[in-house]
Amino acid sequence: MQQRVELAVGPDLTRLAAGTKLISPSMPAGHKALIVSTVPDGDTSLVTVEVTGGMGRARVPKPGTVPALGQCVAYLPDPGWRPTPVFPEPDQIPWTHAAAPDAPDNDTAESDEAAVEEWGDGD
């Protein structure tokens, strides 16, 4: 199932070509789209976008998965598949990137004497 939507983009001309795959941070997860055409229209562009994914499997798209008339939607070029970053276990982090486990916290290591302000009270 695919759904075509025509968008008025502004205030700048769109520099993305037809065939560019898109994702949208303002739509539900899994929402995918494809630029079908881009036509300059004065200071803006008229962009026809085909929603290609994230609408569910029913014959009619789930509510909210296809932009509504007048809805403001942000689209970005799809950077492609990116693996989830894998971070090392805390005990495997090199000393150059982490404090030693027995090192005092610099914010709380200050002595009480250094933290006291003198106000000139003679007592």
N, C-alpha and C. Protein backbone atom coordinates (compact mmCIF):
# COMPACT_ATOMS: atom_id res chain seq x y z
N MET A 1 0.84 -1.16 0.00
CA MET A 1 0.00 0.00 0.00
C MET A 1 0.89 1.24 0.00
N GLN A 2 0.55 2.20 -0.85
CA GLN A 2 1.29 3.45 -0.92
C GLN A 2 0.30 4.59 -1.00
N GLN A 3 0.69 5.74 -0.51
CA GLN A 3 -0.18 6.90 -0.47
C GLN A 3 0.63 8.09 -0.97
N ARG A 4 0.11 8.87 -1.93
CA ARG A 4 0.82 10.04 -2.43
C ARG A 4 0.26 11.31 -1.79
N VAL A 5 1.18 12.20 -1.44
CA VAL A 5 0.81 13.46 -0.81
C VAL A 5 1.60 14.56 -1.51
N GLU A 6 0.96 15.67 -1.85
CA GLU A 6 1.66 16.81 -2.44
C GLU A 6 1.90 17.83 -1.35
N LEU A 7 3.15 18.28 -1.24
CA LEU A 7 3.54 19.20 -0.18
C LEU A 7 4.05 20.50 -0.77
N ALA A 8 3.71 21.61 -0.17
CA ALA A 8 4.31 22.90 -0.51
C ALA A 8 5.44 23.12 0.48
N VAL A 9 6.65 23.24 -0.02
CA VAL A 9 7.82 23.36 0.83
C VAL A 9 8.34 24.78 0.75
N GLY A 10 8.67 25.35 1.86
CA GLY A 10 9.18 26.71 1.82
C GLY A 10 9.94 27.00 3.08
N PRO A 11 10.63 28.08 3.18
CA PRO A 11 10.71 29.15 2.20
C PRO A 11 11.80 28.92 1.14
N ASP A 12 12.54 27.84 1.20
CA ASP A 12 13.62 27.59 0.24
C ASP A 12 13.21 26.53 -0.78
N LEU A 13 13.87 26.58 -1.92
CA LEU A 13 13.65 25.53 -2.92
C LEU A 13 14.22 24.22 -2.40
N THR A 14 13.57 23.13 -2.73
CA THR A 14 14.04 21.80 -2.32
C THR A 14 15.16 21.37 -3.26
N ARG A 15 16.23 20.88 -2.68
CA ARG A 15 17.37 20.45 -3.47
C ARG A 15 17.46 18.93 -3.59
N LEU A 16 16.49 18.24 -3.08
CA LEU A 16 16.50 16.78 -3.15
C LEU A 16 15.82 16.33 -4.44
N ALA A 17 16.39 15.35 -5.07
CA ALA A 17 15.89 14.87 -6.36
C ALA A 17 14.81 13.82 -6.18
N ALA A 18 14.06 13.62 -7.24
CA ALA A 18 13.07 12.54 -7.25
C ALA A 18 13.80 11.23 -7.00
N GLY A 19 13.15 10.35 -6.26
CA GLY A 19 13.76 9.06 -5.92
C GLY A 19 14.47 9.05 -4.58
N THR A 20 14.60 10.22 -3.93
CA THR A 20 15.24 10.29 -2.62
C THR A 20 14.34 9.67 -1.57
N LYS A 21 14.89 8.74 -0.80
CA LYS A 21 14.15 8.11 0.29
C LYS A 21 14.17 9.05 1.49
N LEU A 22 13.03 9.12 2.19
CA LEU A 22 12.88 10.04 3.31
C LEU A 22 12.44 9.34 4.58
N ILE A 23 12.79 9.94 5.71
CA ILE A 23 12.27 9.54 7.02
C ILE A 23 11.69 10.79 7.65
N SER A 24 10.86 10.63 8.69
CA SER A 24 10.25 11.78 9.33
C SER A 24 10.28 11.63 10.84
N PRO A 25 10.97 12.55 11.53
CA PRO A 25 10.96 12.50 12.99
C PRO A 25 9.63 12.96 13.58
N SER A 26 8.78 13.60 12.76
CA SER A 26 7.50 14.10 13.27
C SER A 26 6.34 13.13 13.02
N MET A 27 6.63 11.98 12.41
CA MET A 27 5.61 10.97 12.15
C MET A 27 5.92 9.74 13.00
N PRO A 28 4.98 8.80 13.11
CA PRO A 28 5.23 7.60 13.92
C PRO A 28 6.45 6.81 13.42
N ALA A 29 7.03 6.02 14.32
CA ALA A 29 8.20 5.20 13.97
C ALA A 29 7.86 4.30 12.79
N GLY A 30 8.83 4.12 11.91
CA GLY A 30 8.63 3.26 10.75
C GLY A 30 8.08 3.99 9.54
N HIS A 31 7.74 5.27 9.70
CA HIS A 31 7.20 6.05 8.57
C HIS A 31 8.31 6.25 7.55
N LYS A 32 8.06 5.85 6.32
CA LYS A 32 9.02 6.01 5.22
C LYS A 32 8.33 6.68 4.06
N ALA A 33 9.07 7.43 3.28
CA ALA A 33 8.50 8.12 2.12
C ALA A 33 9.55 8.20 1.03
N LEU A 34 9.09 8.59 -0.16
CA LEU A 34 9.95 8.69 -1.34
C LEU A 34 9.52 9.93 -2.11
N ILE A 35 10.48 10.75 -2.54
CA ILE A 35 10.13 11.91 -3.36
C ILE A 35 9.82 11.42 -4.76
N VAL A 36 8.61 11.72 -5.24
CA VAL A 36 8.19 11.34 -6.59
C VAL A 36 8.58 12.44 -7.57
N SER A 37 8.33 13.71 -7.20
CA SER A 37 8.71 14.82 -8.06
C SER A 37 8.90 16.08 -7.25
N THR A 38 9.70 16.99 -7.78
CA THR A 38 9.94 18.30 -7.19
C THR A 38 9.80 19.33 -8.29
N VAL A 39 8.88 20.28 -8.10
CA VAL A 39 8.63 21.31 -9.11
C VAL A 39 8.80 22.68 -8.46
N PRO A 40 9.72 23.53 -8.98
CA PRO A 40 9.84 24.88 -8.44
C PRO A 40 8.54 25.65 -8.64
N ASP A 41 8.16 26.44 -7.62
CA ASP A 41 6.94 27.24 -7.68
C ASP A 41 7.23 28.58 -7.02
N GLY A 42 7.85 29.48 -7.77
CA GLY A 42 8.25 30.77 -7.21
C GLY A 42 9.39 30.58 -6.23
N ASP A 43 9.17 31.02 -4.98
CA ASP A 43 10.19 30.90 -3.94
C ASP A 43 10.15 29.57 -3.21
N THR A 44 9.19 28.74 -3.52
CA THR A 44 9.06 27.45 -2.84
C THR A 44 9.11 26.32 -3.86
N SER A 45 8.88 25.12 -3.39
CA SER A 45 8.82 23.94 -4.25
C SER A 45 7.55 23.18 -3.94
N LEU A 46 6.96 22.60 -4.95
CA LEU A 46 5.87 21.65 -4.75
C LEU A 46 6.49 20.27 -4.87
N VAL A 47 6.40 19.51 -3.80
CA VAL A 47 7.03 18.20 -3.74
C VAL A 47 5.95 17.14 -3.60
N THR A 48 5.96 16.17 -4.49
CA THR A 48 5.04 15.04 -4.37
C THR A 48 5.80 13.93 -3.67
N VAL A 49 5.26 13.50 -2.54
CA VAL A 49 5.90 12.48 -1.71
C VAL A 49 4.98 11.27 -1.66
N GLU A 50 5.57 10.10 -1.83
CA GLU A 50 4.81 8.86 -1.72
C GLU A 50 5.17 8.19 -0.41
N VAL A 51 4.20 8.05 0.47
CA VAL A 51 4.42 7.37 1.75
C VAL A 51 4.48 5.88 1.45
N THR A 52 5.62 5.25 1.76
CA THR A 52 5.84 3.86 1.38
C THR A 52 5.88 2.89 2.55
N GLY A 53 5.92 3.39 3.77
CA GLY A 53 5.99 2.48 4.90
C GLY A 53 5.51 3.11 6.18
N GLY A 54 5.17 2.27 7.14
CA GLY A 54 4.75 2.73 8.45
C GLY A 54 3.27 3.02 8.56
N MET A 55 2.47 2.49 7.63
CA MET A 55 1.03 2.76 7.66
C MET A 55 0.22 1.58 8.17
N GLY A 56 0.88 0.51 8.53
CA GLY A 56 0.17 -0.69 8.97
C GLY A 56 -0.12 -1.60 7.79
N ARG A 57 -0.79 -2.72 8.06
CA ARG A 57 -1.05 -3.70 7.01
C ARG A 57 -2.50 -3.70 6.52
N ALA A 58 -3.34 -2.91 7.12
CA ALA A 58 -4.75 -2.87 6.75
C ALA A 58 -4.93 -2.21 5.38
N ARG A 59 -6.10 -2.41 4.79
CA ARG A 59 -6.40 -1.82 3.49
C ARG A 59 -6.43 -0.29 3.57
N VAL A 60 -6.84 0.23 4.72
CA VAL A 60 -6.88 1.67 4.96
C VAL A 60 -5.77 1.99 5.98
N PRO A 61 -4.94 3.01 5.72
CA PRO A 61 -3.85 3.33 6.67
C PRO A 61 -4.39 3.66 8.06
N LYS A 62 -3.59 3.32 9.07
CA LYS A 62 -3.96 3.66 10.45
C LYS A 62 -4.03 5.17 10.58
N PRO A 63 -4.92 5.67 11.42
CA PRO A 63 -5.00 7.13 11.65
C PRO A 63 -3.66 7.67 12.15
N GLY A 64 -3.24 8.79 11.59
CA GLY A 64 -2.00 9.44 12.02
C GLY A 64 -0.76 8.97 11.28
N THR A 65 -0.88 7.94 10.42
CA THR A 65 0.30 7.44 9.72
C THR A 65 0.50 8.08 8.35
N VAL A 66 -0.52 8.76 7.85
CA VAL A 66 -0.43 9.52 6.60
C VAL A 66 -0.70 10.97 6.97
N PRO A 67 0.14 11.90 6.53
CA PRO A 67 -0.08 13.30 6.89
C PRO A 67 -1.47 13.78 6.49
N ALA A 68 -2.10 14.51 7.39
CA ALA A 68 -3.43 15.09 7.13
C ALA A 68 -3.26 16.37 6.34
N LEU A 69 -4.31 16.77 5.66
CA LEU A 69 -4.31 18.00 4.89
C LEU A 69 -3.99 19.17 5.82
N GLY A 70 -2.96 19.94 5.48
CA GLY A 70 -2.56 21.08 6.29
C GLY A 70 -1.59 20.76 7.42
N GLN A 71 -1.29 19.48 7.63
CA GLN A 71 -0.38 19.08 8.71
C GLN A 71 1.06 19.44 8.32
N CYS A 72 1.81 19.99 9.25
CA CYS A 72 3.22 20.31 9.04
C CYS A 72 4.04 19.06 9.35
N VAL A 73 4.79 18.59 8.36
CA VAL A 73 5.59 17.37 8.51
C VAL A 73 7.03 17.67 8.13
N ALA A 74 7.97 17.24 8.95
CA ALA A 74 9.39 17.39 8.65
C ALA A 74 9.90 16.09 8.04
N TYR A 75 10.60 16.19 6.93
CA TYR A 75 11.22 15.03 6.30
C TYR A 75 12.71 15.26 6.19
N LEU A 76 13.46 14.18 6.32
CA LEU A 76 14.91 14.19 6.18
C LEU A 76 15.30 13.10 5.21
N PRO A 77 16.42 13.27 4.49
CA PRO A 77 16.88 12.16 3.66
C PRO A 77 17.21 10.96 4.54
N ASP A 78 16.80 9.79 4.11
CA ASP A 78 17.06 8.57 4.87
C ASP A 78 18.54 8.21 4.75
N PRO A 79 19.27 8.22 5.86
CA PRO A 79 20.69 7.91 5.79
C PRO A 79 20.97 6.43 5.59
N GLY A 80 19.94 5.62 5.59
CA GLY A 80 20.14 4.19 5.42
C GLY A 80 20.23 3.48 6.76
N TRP A 81 20.50 2.22 6.71
CA TRP A 81 20.56 1.41 7.92
C TRP A 81 21.80 1.77 8.70
N ARG A 82 21.62 1.99 9.99
CA ARG A 82 22.73 2.27 10.89
C ARG A 82 22.63 1.33 12.07
N PRO A 83 23.69 0.63 12.38
CA PRO A 83 23.62 -0.25 13.54
C PRO A 83 23.57 0.55 14.84
N THR A 84 22.98 -0.03 15.85
CA THR A 84 22.96 0.58 17.17
C THR A 84 24.37 0.55 17.73
N PRO A 85 24.87 1.67 18.24
CA PRO A 85 26.24 1.67 18.76
C PRO A 85 26.39 0.72 19.95
N VAL A 86 27.54 0.08 20.01
CA VAL A 86 27.83 -0.83 21.12
C VAL A 86 28.93 -0.18 21.95
N PHE A 87 28.61 0.09 23.21
CA PHE A 87 29.56 0.73 24.10
C PHE A 87 30.23 -0.32 24.98
N PRO A 88 31.50 -0.09 25.34
CA PRO A 88 32.19 -1.06 26.19
C PRO A 88 31.63 -1.05 27.61
N GLU A 89 31.85 -2.15 28.31
CA GLU A 89 31.47 -2.23 29.71
C GLU A 89 32.30 -1.20 30.49
N PRO A 90 31.78 -0.66 31.59
CA PRO A 90 32.50 0.37 32.35
C PRO A 90 33.92 -0.04 32.74
N ASP A 91 34.14 -1.30 33.05
CA ASP A 91 35.48 -1.72 33.44
C ASP A 91 36.41 -1.91 32.24
N GLN A 92 35.89 -1.80 31.04
CA GLN A 92 36.70 -1.93 29.83
C GLN A 92 37.02 -0.59 29.17
N ILE A 93 36.57 0.52 29.78
CA ILE A 93 36.84 1.84 29.22
C ILE A 93 38.28 2.21 29.52
N PRO A 94 39.06 2.65 28.53
CA PRO A 94 40.46 3.02 28.77
C PRO A 94 40.57 4.18 29.75
N TRP A 95 41.68 4.24 30.49
CA TRP A 95 41.86 5.26 31.50
C TRP A 95 41.85 6.66 30.90
N THR A 96 42.13 6.78 29.59
CA THR A 96 42.14 8.09 28.96
C THR A 96 40.73 8.63 28.75
N HIS A 97 39.71 7.80 28.91
CA HIS A 97 38.33 8.22 28.67
C HIS A 97 37.45 8.14 29.91
N ALA A 98 38.01 7.76 31.03
CA ALA A 98 37.22 7.65 32.25
C ALA A 98 38.12 7.91 33.45
N ALA A 99 37.50 8.32 34.54
CA ALA A 99 38.25 8.54 35.78
C ALA A 99 38.55 7.19 36.43
N ALA A 100 39.63 7.14 37.17
CA ALA A 100 39.96 5.92 37.91
C ALA A 100 38.87 5.67 38.94
N PRO A 101 38.53 4.39 39.19
CA PRO A 101 37.44 4.10 40.12
C PRO A 101 37.67 4.64 41.53
N ASP A 102 38.94 4.79 41.98
CA ASP A 102 39.21 5.27 43.33
C ASP A 102 39.52 6.77 43.35
N ALA A 103 39.43 7.45 42.21
CA ALA A 103 39.72 8.88 42.16
C ALA A 103 38.57 9.66 42.80
N PRO A 104 38.91 10.68 43.60
CA PRO A 104 37.84 11.49 44.21
C PRO A 104 37.16 12.35 43.14
N ASP A 105 35.92 12.66 43.39
CA ASP A 105 35.17 13.53 42.50
C ASP A 105 35.69 14.95 42.70
N ASN A 106 36.16 15.58 41.64
CA ASN A 106 36.76 16.92 41.75
C ASN A 106 35.80 17.95 42.31
N ASP A 107 34.52 17.80 42.10
CA ASP A 107 33.55 18.77 42.59
C ASP A 107 33.38 18.70 44.10
N THR A 108 33.56 17.53 44.70
CA THR A 108 33.34 17.39 46.14
C THR A 108 34.65 17.21 46.92
N ALA A 109 35.79 17.18 46.24
CA ALA A 109 37.06 16.95 46.92
C ALA A 109 37.62 18.22 47.56
N GLU A 110 36.98 19.34 47.32
CA GLU A 110 37.46 20.60 47.88
C GLU A 110 37.36 20.56 49.41
N SER A 111 38.38 21.03 50.08
CA SER A 111 38.37 20.99 51.54
C SER A 111 37.38 22.01 52.10
N ASP A 112 36.96 21.79 53.34
CA ASP A 112 36.03 22.71 53.99
C ASP A 112 36.64 24.09 54.16
N GLU A 113 37.95 24.14 54.42
CA GLU A 113 38.62 25.42 54.61
C GLU A 113 38.61 26.25 53.34
N ALA A 114 38.77 25.61 52.20
CA ALA A 114 38.79 26.33 50.93
C ALA A 114 37.41 26.85 50.57
N ALA A 115 36.38 26.20 51.06
CA ALA A 115 35.03 26.60 50.72
C ALA A 115 34.48 27.72 51.60
N VAL A 116 35.16 28.02 52.72
CA VAL A 116 34.70 29.04 53.65
C VAL A 116 35.10 30.42 53.14
N GLU A 117 34.15 31.33 53.12
CA GLU A 117 34.44 32.70 52.73
C GLU A 117 34.66 33.53 53.98
N GLU A 118 35.58 34.46 53.91
CA GLU A 118 35.81 35.34 55.04
C GLU A 118 35.09 36.65 54.76
N TRP A 119 34.29 37.10 55.74
CA TRP A 119 33.50 38.31 55.57
C TRP A 119 34.00 39.46 56.44
N GLY A 120 35.11 39.25 57.09
CA GLY A 120 35.65 40.33 57.89
C GLY A 120 35.06 40.40 59.29
N ASP A 121 34.33 39.37 59.70
CA ASP A 121 33.83 39.34 61.06
C ASP A 121 35.04 39.08 61.97
N GLY A 122 35.33 39.93 62.90
CA GLY A 122 36.51 39.81 63.77
C GLY A 122 36.45 38.64 64.71
N ASP A 123 35.44 37.88 64.77
CA ASP A 123 35.34 36.82 65.78
C ASP A 123 36.07 35.61 65.35
